Amino acid sequence: MKPTGPEQPLEYEVTLLDTEPGTGAPDTGVPAGRRRWALVLLAGALALDVSGVAVINAALPSIGDEYNIDGSTLQWTMTAYAIAFAGFLLFGGRVADVLGRRKIFAVGIALFAAASLGAALAPTVGVLIAARALQGIGAALSGPASLALLSQIFPEGPQRNRALGVYAATGGSSFSAGLVAGGALTDFLGWRSVFAVSVLAGVLILAAVRALLPAGRRQPHSLDIPGAILVTLGIGLVVYGVSEGSEVGWWSAQVLISLVLAVIGLAGFVVWEMGRTEPLLPMSIFRSRPVRAASLTGAVFYTGAGGLLFFSPLYAQGILGYSPFESALAVLPVGVVVIISSQTTGRLMSPAAYKPLMAASLLLIGTGVTLWVGTPEDGSYWAHMLPGIVVMSTGQGLGFGAMTAATLEGLPLHQHGVAGAVNVTAQQIGNSVGLAILVAVSTGVSGGATNSADQLSGFHAAYWVAGAIGLLGGLTVLLTRFPKADTAPSASEERP
């Protein structure tokens, strides 16, 4: 397409899948011997992004004590990351597809590492909150690029399925591992060490980017800056409104105004995109039933799993009397079970298996959370907490790789970055909006009481709701009619 204005359009980077000399195998831009190390690099970047949310949990009391701030200010160290991450995801996917995946992946990791250094050295809480927001932007840039690079490096079929199994295991286990690591680092080295470790990890990843990831070629396409601004503001305001609603009340002026502005911004984004020849988010993506099912799975997946991981320390510390580090250790089996079950998924995965795996995932997550309805005031970890954790984690391992693969199903290679961003955005909506619903249910039932019995009744009500959401989500995915034919993009489709 010819440019319509005086400026030259930005260039679009994509690796064409030719063949490796003498092998007849697809040339993915990375020699076969280095693909395993490329996977380690991409999985490490995913772990950095996911654990970036979790590692700070155990550090929050120490941060509050050092800066002498209350909970309403302290929660912004979490909210700033969530808003920036969710708000910039779609733009991150698009800019990776346009400016080049390796380049944007590296920029995202570099920004995350620099922001982590700023957080580690932050002299005031304002600097810390700003650094956390920059961390979120860095993760939003590197995350979609990481998934698109994985699909580019590994040819469709068993190689990609095994790679997605490893990627899934890393993503599913990183949150619980981050909780434990954050607790240990805070206890032994202080809360600033949590961010110092992220700096080191980011530097190590950056050092290997050029050697392990493909550079690709370039073709002209546009970035759609107005669309990026509209969707970033819209999603950011949704996450802000939901986060504040659970803190200051759903009928407060700031919550209502932010949600109304979010609706206006997102509606404006849809109208703008429908009139673009090169939109930030091609609406044709949602014609794919696997993509729609994967987006639903992402939202429900993180509503249930995120909900249990949110209420787990409240129950373990507030009712059973665990220390922060003990409550983090309590969810450590999540990572172990996810690794085991996701490896099974890698062997089973194929386009025909995406739907049953995603449906089973949501049903198991819903069942695992519901098992916590039986947690009493004098509960035993082995009898009342661990069974639900194991069942939920099995569902996580089954579903993460399947929904990641289904997100890309039937789409041309040049849309994989933005498609990955769509799915991660759905996950963030489940993690923020879904969790806010569960918190509202819990607070409504308990009436804000401080005694253990009333608090526990609120927790149980939230578990029932999360279980019902998981059940309905699983049945919806199961009843979705997936195309029977192979929908993988043809070679011509991969050359925009």
Protein backbone atom coordinates (compact mmCIF):
# COMPACT_ATOMS: atom_id res chain seq x y z
CA MET A 1 0.00 0.00 0.00
CA LYS A 2 1.32 3.44 -0.90
CA PRO A 3 1.72 6.03 1.83
CA THR A 4 -0.99 8.68 1.94
CA GLY A 5 1.04 11.46 3.55
CA PRO A 6 4.37 13.12 3.04
CA GLU A 7 6.12 11.00 5.66
CA GLN A 8 7.50 7.59 4.84
CA PRO A 9 5.63 4.83 6.71
CA LEU A 10 7.30 2.91 9.49
CA GLU A 11 8.84 -0.39 8.52
CA TYR A 12 7.34 -3.74 9.39
CA GLU A 13 9.63 -6.60 10.32
CA VAL A 14 8.81 -10.23 9.58
CA THR A 15 10.87 -13.31 9.01
CA LEU A 16 9.76 -15.22 5.92
CA LEU A 17 9.67 -18.95 6.42
CA ASP A 18 12.00 -20.15 3.70
CA THR A 19 13.86 -23.45 4.12
CA GLU A 20 17.14 -24.26 5.81
CA PRO A 21 19.77 -25.19 3.25
CA GLY A 22 20.02 -28.93 2.70
CA THR A 23 17.28 -29.85 5.18
CA GLY A 24 13.97 -28.92 3.62
CA ALA A 25 12.87 -27.72 7.07
CA PRO A 26 11.42 -24.24 7.61
CA ASP A 27 14.05 -21.55 8.10
CA THR A 28 12.92 -19.78 11.24
CA GLY A 29 15.88 -17.42 11.41
CA VAL A 30 17.55 -19.38 14.23
CA PRO A 31 19.79 -22.43 13.64
CA ALA A 32 18.26 -25.63 15.02
CA GLY A 33 21.04 -25.99 17.58
CA ARG A 34 20.27 -22.63 19.15
CA ARG A 35 16.49 -22.89 19.36
CA ARG A 36 16.58 -24.53 22.77
CA TRP A 37 18.60 -21.60 24.13
CA ALA A 38 16.26 -19.14 22.42
CA LEU A 39 13.38 -20.83 24.26
CA VAL A 40 15.24 -20.49 27.57
CA LEU A 41 15.69 -16.79 26.83
CA LEU A 42 12.02 -16.19 25.95
CA ALA A 43 10.78 -18.23 28.91
CA GLY A 44 13.11 -16.27 31.18
CA ALA A 45 11.64 -13.02 29.91
CA LEU A 46 8.13 -14.33 30.59
CA ALA A 47 9.17 -15.31 34.12
CA LEU A 48 10.54 -11.81 34.65
CA ASP A 49 7.25 -10.23 33.56
CA VAL A 50 4.98 -12.55 35.57
CA SER A 51 7.07 -12.57 38.72
CA GLY A 52 7.24 -8.77 38.52
CA VAL A 53 3.68 -8.76 39.82
CA ALA A 54 4.26 -11.32 42.57
CA VAL A 55 7.67 -10.60 44.06
CA ILE A 56 6.57 -7.34 45.61
CA ASN A 57 3.66 -8.87 47.58
CA ALA A 58 5.75 -9.99 50.55
CA ALA A 59 7.70 -6.73 50.47
CA LEU A 60 4.66 -4.46 50.86
CA PRO A 61 4.71 -4.23 54.70
CA SER A 62 8.42 -3.37 54.67
CA ILE A 63 7.91 -0.74 51.99
CA GLY A 64 5.06 0.78 54.00
CA ASP A 65 7.19 0.92 57.13
CA GLU A 66 10.18 2.55 55.37
CA TYR A 67 8.13 5.28 53.71
CA ASN A 68 5.61 5.56 56.56
CA ILE A 69 2.59 5.30 54.22
CA ASP A 70 -0.85 3.76 54.68
CA GLY A 71 -2.50 1.04 52.65
CA SER A 72 -4.27 3.35 50.19
CA THR A 73 -0.91 4.75 49.04
CA LEU A 74 0.92 1.44 49.30
CA GLN A 75 -1.49 -0.33 46.95
CA TRP A 76 -0.39 2.01 44.16
CA THR A 77 2.92 0.14 44.01
CA MET A 78 0.79 -2.73 42.68
CA THR A 79 -1.84 -0.75 40.79
CA ALA A 80 0.67 1.37 38.84
CA TYR A 81 2.22 -1.78 37.37
CA ALA A 82 -1.17 -3.30 36.53
CA ILE A 83 -2.51 -0.18 34.81
CA ALA A 84 0.61 0.38 32.71
CA PHE A 85 0.93 -3.29 31.79
CA ALA A 86 -2.70 -3.75 30.75
CA GLY A 87 -2.95 -0.37 29.06
CA PHE A 88 0.10 -0.75 26.82
CA LEU A 89 -0.28 -4.43 25.85
CA LEU A 90 -2.10 -3.93 22.56
CA PHE A 91 0.27 -1.16 21.55
CA GLY A 92 3.17 -3.39 22.57
CA GLY A 93 1.90 -6.15 20.29
CA ARG A 94 1.44 -3.80 17.37
CA VAL A 95 4.77 -2.02 17.72
CA ALA A 96 6.50 -5.41 17.87
CA ASP A 97 4.81 -6.44 14.63
CA VAL A 98 5.69 -3.13 12.98
CA LEU A 99 9.13 -2.14 14.24
CA GLY A 100 10.46 -5.66 14.72
CA ARG A 101 10.00 -8.25 17.41
CA ARG A 102 13.60 -8.65 18.49
CA LYS A 103 14.08 -4.90 18.68
CA ILE A 104 10.94 -4.27 20.76
CA PHE A 105 11.61 -7.32 22.92
CA ALA A 106 15.03 -5.88 23.77
CA VAL A 107 13.60 -2.39 24.39
CA GLY A 108 10.98 -3.85 26.73
CA ILE A 109 13.52 -5.85 28.73
CA ALA A 110 15.89 -2.88 28.91
CA LEU A 111 13.08 -0.60 30.16
CA PHE A 112 12.03 -3.20 32.74
CA ALA A 113 15.61 -3.54 34.00
CA ALA A 114 16.16 0.23 34.13
CA ALA A 115 12.88 0.72 35.98
CA SER A 116 13.84 -2.07 38.42
CA LEU A 117 17.07 -0.20 39.16
CA GLY A 118 15.05 2.96 39.77
CA ALA A 119 12.77 1.05 42.16
CA ALA A 120 15.73 -0.46 44.02
CA LEU A 121 17.22 3.00 44.56
CA ALA A 122 13.93 4.92 45.00
CA PRO A 123 14.37 7.69 47.61
CA THR A 124 10.61 8.33 47.86
CA VAL A 125 7.43 6.35 47.36
CA GLY A 126 6.55 8.58 44.40
CA VAL A 127 9.71 7.47 42.59
CA LEU A 128 8.93 3.84 43.45
CA ILE A 129 5.40 4.09 42.02
CA ALA A 130 6.70 5.74 38.83
CA ALA A 131 9.33 3.00 38.48
CA ARG A 132 6.64 0.34 38.88
CA ALA A 133 4.61 1.96 36.08
CA LEU A 134 7.68 1.89 33.81
CA GLN A 135 8.18 -1.77 34.69
CA GLY A 136 4.62 -2.40 33.50
CA ILE A 137 5.29 -0.64 30.19
CA GLY A 138 8.47 -2.67 29.72
CA ALA A 139 6.57 -5.91 30.32
CA ALA A 140 3.84 -4.82 27.90
CA LEU A 141 6.46 -4.32 25.19
CA SER A 142 8.44 -7.54 25.74
CA GLY A 143 5.52 -9.90 26.46
CA PRO A 144 3.70 -9.91 23.09
CA ALA A 145 7.03 -9.82 21.24
CA SER A 146 8.18 -12.86 23.20
CA LEU A 147 5.18 -14.97 22.16
CA ALA A 148 5.43 -13.85 18.53
CA LEU A 149 9.14 -14.71 18.48
CA LEU A 150 8.41 -18.17 19.87
CA SER A 151 5.89 -18.88 17.11
CA GLN A 152 8.40 -17.58 14.57
CA ILE A 153 11.36 -19.60 15.81
CA PHE A 154 9.61 -22.96 16.23
CA PRO A 155 7.87 -24.46 13.17
CA GLU A 156 4.23 -25.40 13.62
CA GLY A 157 3.83 -28.96 14.86
CA PRO A 158 5.60 -31.02 17.55
CA GLN A 159 8.51 -28.55 17.93
CA ARG A 160 6.22 -25.62 18.63
CA ASN A 161 3.99 -27.72 20.89
CA ARG A 162 6.94 -28.77 23.04
CA ALA A 163 8.18 -25.18 23.16
CA LEU A 164 4.75 -23.96 24.22
CA GLY A 165 4.73 -26.60 26.95
CA VAL A 166 7.93 -25.16 28.41
CA TYR A 167 6.63 -21.61 27.94
CA ALA A 168 3.37 -22.57 29.69
CA ALA A 169 5.18 -24.20 32.59
CA THR A 170 7.26 -21.07 33.06
CA GLY A 171 4.30 -18.70 32.89
CA GLY A 172 2.11 -20.77 35.17
CA SER A 173 4.76 -21.36 37.83
CA SER A 174 6.43 -17.95 37.86
CA PHE A 175 3.78 -16.26 39.98
CA SER A 176 4.02 -18.68 42.89
CA ALA A 177 7.80 -18.81 42.54
CA GLY A 178 7.84 -15.02 42.62
CA LEU A 179 5.83 -14.99 45.85
CA VAL A 180 8.32 -17.32 47.54
CA ALA A 181 11.37 -15.51 46.14
CA GLY A 182 9.96 -12.16 47.19
CA GLY A 183 9.35 -13.39 50.72
CA ALA A 184 12.84 -14.88 51.03
CA LEU A 185 14.61 -11.85 49.58
CA THR A 186 12.65 -9.44 51.77
CA ASP A 187 13.32 -11.45 54.93
CA PHE A 188 17.05 -11.93 54.36
CA LEU A 189 18.22 -8.98 52.23
CA GLY A 190 15.50 -6.33 52.48
CA TRP A 191 12.80 -5.27 50.03
CA ARG A 192 15.14 -3.40 47.67
CA SER A 193 16.87 -6.69 46.82
CA VAL A 194 13.65 -7.81 45.11
CA PHE A 195 14.21 -5.19 42.42
CA ALA A 196 17.98 -5.65 42.32
CA VAL A 197 17.50 -9.27 41.26
CA SER A 198 15.21 -8.11 38.43
CA VAL A 199 17.97 -5.78 37.22
CA LEU A 200 20.43 -8.68 37.08
CA ALA A 201 17.95 -10.93 35.26
CA GLY A 202 17.19 -8.22 32.71
CA VAL A 203 20.87 -7.63 31.98
CA LEU A 204 21.48 -11.36 31.45
CA ILE A 205 18.54 -11.61 29.03
CA LEU A 206 19.69 -8.56 27.08
CA ALA A 207 23.20 -9.96 26.72
CA ALA A 208 21.88 -12.95 24.76
CA VAL A 209 19.21 -11.29 22.58
CA ARG A 210 21.30 -10.63 19.47
CA ALA A 211 22.92 -14.06 19.49
CA LEU A 212 19.73 -16.10 19.95
CA LEU A 213 16.80 -14.24 18.40
CA PRO A 214 16.11 -13.62 14.69
CA ALA A 215 16.33 -10.10 13.30
CA GLY A 216 13.89 -10.56 10.42
CA ARG A 217 13.22 -8.36 7.41
CA ARG A 218 11.23 -5.18 7.02
CA GLN A 219 8.21 -4.05 5.03
CA PRO A 220 6.27 -0.78 5.31
CA HIS A 221 3.24 -0.57 7.64
CA SER A 222 1.83 2.06 10.01
CA LEU A 223 1.67 2.11 13.82
CA ASP A 224 -1.80 3.71 14.27
CA ILE A 225 -0.82 6.09 17.08
CA PRO A 226 -4.36 7.53 17.61
CA GLY A 227 -5.73 4.02 18.05
CA ALA A 228 -2.92 3.19 20.47
CA ILE A 229 -3.71 6.28 22.57
CA LEU A 230 -7.44 5.49 22.70
CA VAL A 231 -7.05 1.83 23.67
CA THR A 232 -4.27 2.53 26.19
CA LEU A 233 -6.34 5.18 27.94
CA GLY A 234 -9.49 3.04 27.79
CA ILE A 235 -7.97 -0.12 29.24
CA GLY A 236 -5.87 1.84 31.74
CA LEU A 237 -8.99 3.63 33.02
CA VAL A 238 -10.86 0.33 33.34
CA VAL A 239 -8.09 -1.17 35.47
CA TYR A 240 -7.78 2.03 37.52
CA GLY A 241 -11.54 2.23 38.11
CA VAL A 242 -11.80 -1.40 39.14
CA SER A 243 -8.75 -1.17 41.41
CA GLU A 244 -10.04 1.96 43.12
CA GLY A 245 -13.58 0.58 43.37
CA SER A 246 -12.47 -2.14 45.75
CA GLU A 247 -10.66 0.48 47.87
CA VAL A 248 -12.86 3.59 47.97
CA GLY A 249 -16.27 2.26 46.94
CA TRP A 250 -17.94 1.59 43.60
CA TRP A 251 -20.16 4.68 43.74
CA SER A 252 -17.41 7.17 44.43
CA ALA A 253 -17.01 9.97 41.88
CA GLN A 254 -13.48 9.02 40.83
CA VAL A 255 -14.49 5.41 40.10
CA LEU A 256 -17.62 6.34 38.14
CA ILE A 257 -15.83 9.02 36.13
CA SER A 258 -12.93 6.72 35.26
CA LEU A 259 -15.26 3.92 34.14
CA VAL A 260 -17.43 6.26 32.06
CA LEU A 261 -14.34 7.73 30.39
CA ALA A 262 -13.07 4.18 29.81
CA VAL A 263 -16.28 3.24 27.98
CA ILE A 264 -16.06 6.40 25.86
CA GLY A 265 -12.40 5.77 25.04
CA LEU A 266 -12.92 2.10 24.11
CA ALA A 267 -16.00 2.91 22.03
CA GLY A 268 -14.02 5.59 20.24
CA PHE A 269 -11.23 3.07 19.67
CA VAL A 270 -13.61 0.59 18.01
CA VAL A 271 -15.09 3.28 15.76
CA TRP A 272 -11.63 4.54 14.79
CA GLU A 273 -10.32 1.05 14.07
CA MET A 274 -13.25 0.13 11.83
CA GLY A 275 -12.36 3.01 9.55
CA ARG A 276 -8.65 2.16 9.25
CA THR A 277 -7.05 0.21 6.42
CA GLU A 278 -4.18 -0.78 8.76
CA PRO A 279 -5.73 -0.87 12.25
CA LEU A 280 -3.87 -1.37 15.50
CA LEU A 281 -6.26 -4.24 16.27
CA PRO A 282 -7.68 -5.92 13.16
CA MET A 283 -11.23 -6.88 14.11
CA SER A 284 -10.92 -9.83 11.73
CA ILE A 285 -8.88 -11.53 14.48
CA PHE A 286 -12.10 -12.12 16.40
CA ARG A 287 -13.68 -14.00 13.52
CA SER A 288 -11.53 -16.92 14.60
CA ARG A 289 -13.43 -19.10 17.10
CA PRO A 290 -10.19 -20.43 18.62
CA VAL A 291 -9.04 -16.85 19.26
CA ARG A 292 -12.37 -15.96 20.91
CA ALA A 293 -12.28 -19.12 23.03
CA ALA A 294 -8.67 -18.46 24.02
CA SER A 295 -9.55 -14.90 25.09
CA LEU A 296 -12.44 -16.19 27.23
CA THR A 297 -10.13 -18.84 28.69
CA GLY A 298 -7.52 -16.22 29.57
CA ALA A 299 -10.04 -14.05 31.42
CA VAL A 300 -11.66 -16.91 33.35
CA PHE A 301 -8.31 -18.63 33.98
CA TYR A 302 -6.93 -15.61 35.83
CA THR A 303 -10.17 -14.83 37.64
CA GLY A 304 -10.06 -18.22 39.34
CA ALA A 305 -6.31 -18.71 39.76
CA GLY A 306 -5.68 -15.06 40.66
CA GLY A 307 -8.58 -15.14 43.09
CA LEU A 308 -7.26 -18.14 45.00
CA LEU A 309 -3.73 -16.74 45.15
CA PHE A 310 -5.17 -13.44 46.44
CA PHE A 311 -7.25 -15.00 49.22
CA SER A 312 -4.65 -17.63 50.15
CA PRO A 313 -2.38 -15.31 52.21
CA LEU A 314 -5.41 -13.62 53.76
CA TYR A 315 -6.60 -16.99 55.02
CA ALA A 316 -3.16 -18.37 55.89
CA GLN A 317 -1.90 -15.26 57.70
CA GLY A 318 -5.11 -13.67 58.95
CA ILE A 319 -6.90 -16.80 60.17
CA LEU A 320 -4.33 -19.60 60.53
CA GLY A 321 -1.55 -17.35 61.82
CA TYR A 322 1.11 -18.13 59.19
CA SER A 323 4.04 -15.76 58.71
CA PRO A 324 4.35 -14.01 55.32
CA PHE A 325 7.12 -16.39 54.24
CA GLU A 326 5.14 -19.44 55.40
CA SER A 327 2.09 -18.28 53.46
CA ALA A 328 4.27 -17.88 50.36
CA LEU A 329 5.63 -21.41 50.82
CA ALA A 330 2.05 -22.66 51.06
CA VAL A 331 1.48 -21.86 47.37
CA LEU A 332 4.85 -23.18 46.19
CA PRO A 333 3.22 -26.46 45.01
CA VAL A 334 1.43 -24.40 42.36
CA GLY A 335 4.65 -24.09 40.39
CA VAL A 336 5.58 -27.76 40.78
CA VAL A 337 2.18 -29.06 39.65
CA VAL A 338 2.00 -26.59 36.77
CA ILE A 339 5.37 -27.78 35.45
CA ILE A 340 4.26 -31.42 35.58
CA SER A 341 0.83 -30.92 34.01
CA SER A 342 2.06 -28.51 31.34
CA GLN A 343 4.57 -31.07 30.11
CA THR A 344 1.68 -33.48 29.61
CA THR A 345 -0.08 -30.76 27.65
CA GLY A 346 2.94 -30.31 25.40
CA ARG A 347 2.73 -33.94 24.33
CA LEU A 348 -1.03 -33.86 23.76
CA MET A 349 -1.33 -30.49 22.09
CA SER A 350 -2.58 -30.12 18.53
CA PRO A 351 -5.26 -27.90 16.96
CA ALA A 352 -7.81 -30.64 17.70
CA ALA A 353 -6.81 -30.67 21.38
CA TYR A 354 -7.00 -26.92 22.06
CA LYS A 355 -10.69 -26.92 22.92
CA PRO A 356 -10.77 -29.92 25.30
CA LEU A 357 -7.60 -28.75 27.02
CA MET A 358 -8.92 -25.22 27.58
CA ALA A 359 -12.31 -26.51 28.75
CA ALA A 360 -10.70 -29.01 31.14
CA SER A 361 -8.42 -26.27 32.41
CA LEU A 362 -11.26 -23.96 33.39
CA LEU A 363 -13.31 -26.78 34.93
CA LEU A 364 -10.34 -27.87 37.06
CA ILE A 365 -9.51 -24.31 38.11
CA GLY A 366 -13.14 -23.74 39.11
CA THR A 367 -13.20 -27.04 41.01
CA GLY A 368 -9.92 -26.33 42.78
CA VAL A 369 -11.09 -22.92 43.99
CA THR A 370 -14.44 -24.36 45.09
CA LEU A 371 -12.66 -26.96 47.25
CA TRP A 372 -11.54 -24.06 49.43
CA VAL A 373 -15.15 -23.58 50.50
CA GLY A 374 -14.34 -26.27 53.08
CA THR A 375 -11.52 -24.28 54.75
CA PRO A 376 -12.34 -23.86 58.49
CA GLU A 377 -10.97 -21.46 61.10
CA ASP A 378 -8.65 -24.14 62.47
CA GLY A 379 -7.86 -25.64 59.06
CA SER A 380 -5.04 -27.99 58.19
CA TYR A 381 -2.80 -27.17 55.26
CA TRP A 382 -2.66 -30.79 54.05
CA ALA A 383 -6.37 -31.48 54.39
CA HIS A 384 -7.96 -28.13 53.49
CA MET A 385 -5.54 -26.04 51.40
CA LEU A 386 -3.32 -28.39 49.41
CA PRO A 387 -6.03 -30.43 47.59
CA GLY A 388 -7.58 -27.32 46.04
CA ILE A 389 -4.14 -25.97 45.13
CA VAL A 390 -3.22 -29.22 43.36
CA VAL A 391 -6.48 -29.40 41.38
CA MET A 392 -6.33 -25.72 40.39
CA SER A 393 -2.65 -25.96 39.41
CA THR A 394 -3.32 -29.01 37.25
CA GLY A 395 -5.87 -26.91 35.38
CA GLN A 396 -3.38 -24.09 34.98
CA GLY A 397 -0.81 -26.39 33.44
CA LEU A 398 -3.34 -27.91 31.04
CA GLY A 399 -4.71 -24.59 29.86
CA PHE A 400 -1.87 -22.10 29.56
CA GLY A 401 -0.14 -23.65 26.56
CA ALA A 402 -3.42 -24.49 24.81
CA MET A 403 -4.83 -20.98 25.08
CA THR A 404 -1.50 -19.52 23.99
CA ALA A 405 -1.45 -21.71 20.88
CA ALA A 406 -5.15 -21.15 20.14
CA THR A 407 -4.54 -17.40 20.27
CA LEU A 408 -2.41 -17.72 17.12
CA GLU A 409 -4.52 -20.36 15.39
CA GLY A 410 -5.40 -19.50 11.79
CA LEU A 411 -3.74 -16.07 11.90
CA PRO A 412 -0.94 -14.96 9.55
CA LEU A 413 2.50 -14.56 11.05
CA HIS A 414 2.43 -10.78 10.84
CA GLN A 415 -0.51 -10.64 13.32
CA HIS A 416 1.00 -12.89 15.99
CA GLY A 417 2.32 -10.00 18.09
CA VAL A 418 -1.01 -8.23 18.40
CA ALA A 419 -2.87 -11.55 18.80
CA GLY A 420 -0.64 -12.44 21.73
CA ALA A 421 -1.33 -9.00 23.20
CA VAL A 422 -5.09 -9.59 22.90
CA ASN A 423 -4.83 -12.77 24.95
CA VAL A 424 -2.61 -11.25 27.64
CA THR A 425 -5.03 -8.29 27.83
CA ALA A 426 -7.86 -10.78 28.43
CA GLN A 427 -5.78 -12.34 31.19
CA GLN A 428 -5.25 -8.93 32.79
CA ILE A 429 -8.97 -8.20 32.63
CA GLY A 430 -9.63 -11.47 34.45
CA ASN A 431 -6.91 -10.71 36.97
CA SER A 432 -8.16 -7.19 37.71
CA VAL A 433 -11.89 -7.04 36.93
CA GLY A 434 -12.53 -10.66 37.92
CA LEU A 435 -10.60 -10.29 41.16
CA ALA A 436 -12.44 -7.05 41.96
CA ILE A 437 -15.74 -8.92 41.61
CA LEU A 438 -14.56 -11.62 44.01
CA VAL A 439 -13.35 -9.04 46.53
CA ALA A 440 -16.67 -7.20 46.30
CA VAL A 441 -18.56 -10.45 46.93
CA SER A 442 -16.36 -11.29 49.90
CA THR A 443 -16.70 -7.82 51.42
CA GLY A 444 -20.45 -7.76 50.82
CA VAL A 445 -20.99 -11.07 52.62
CA SER A 446 -18.63 -10.37 55.52
CA GLY A 447 -19.85 -6.79 55.90
CA GLY A 448 -16.29 -5.62 56.48
CA ALA A 449 -16.15 -7.48 59.82
CA THR A 450 -12.78 -8.18 61.41
CA ASN A 451 -13.66 -11.42 63.23
CA SER A 452 -12.47 -14.67 61.67
CA ALA A 453 -15.87 -16.29 61.25
CA ASP A 454 -17.37 -13.43 59.24
CA GLN A 455 -14.21 -12.97 57.17
CA LEU A 456 -14.18 -16.66 56.36
CA SER A 457 -17.82 -16.59 55.27
CA GLY A 458 -16.88 -13.81 52.85
CA PHE A 459 -13.96 -15.83 51.49
CA HIS A 460 -16.23 -18.84 50.98
CA ALA A 461 -18.75 -16.77 49.04
CA ALA A 462 -15.98 -15.57 46.75
CA TYR A 463 -14.84 -19.17 46.19
CA TRP A 464 -18.37 -20.18 45.17
CA VAL A 465 -18.53 -17.35 42.66
CA ALA A 466 -15.08 -18.13 41.24
CA GLY A 467 -16.03 -21.79 40.93
CA ALA A 468 -19.23 -20.92 39.09
CA ILE A 469 -17.33 -18.63 36.70
CA GLY A 470 -14.86 -21.44 35.99
CA LEU A 471 -17.66 -23.94 35.36
CA LEU A 472 -19.55 -21.62 33.01
CA GLY A 473 -16.36 -20.67 31.20
CA GLY A 474 -15.36 -24.29 30.72
CA LEU A 475 -18.79 -25.27 29.39
CA THR A 476 -18.81 -22.28 27.04
CA VAL A 477 -15.45 -23.25 25.57
CA LEU A 478 -16.54 -26.88 25.30
CA LEU A 479 -19.67 -25.90 23.35
CA THR A 480 -17.75 -23.62 20.97
CA ARG A 481 -17.56 -25.12 17.48
CA PHE A 482 -13.95 -25.05 16.32
CA PRO A 483 -13.15 -25.35 12.61
CA LYS A 484 -12.32 -28.93 11.64
CA ALA A 485 -9.98 -28.09 8.79
CA ASP A 486 -6.36 -27.10 9.28
CA THR A 487 -6.48 -23.33 9.66
CA ALA A 488 -2.75 -22.70 9.73
CA PRO A 489 -1.79 -19.71 7.57
CA SER A 490 -0.47 -20.45 4.15
CA ALA A 491 2.88 -19.21 2.93
CA SER A 492 1.19 -16.45 0.99
CA GLU A 493 -0.66 -15.30 4.09
CA GLU A 494 2.64 -14.97 5.92
CA ARG A 495 3.86 -12.43 3.43
CA PRO A 496 1.79 -9.30 4.11
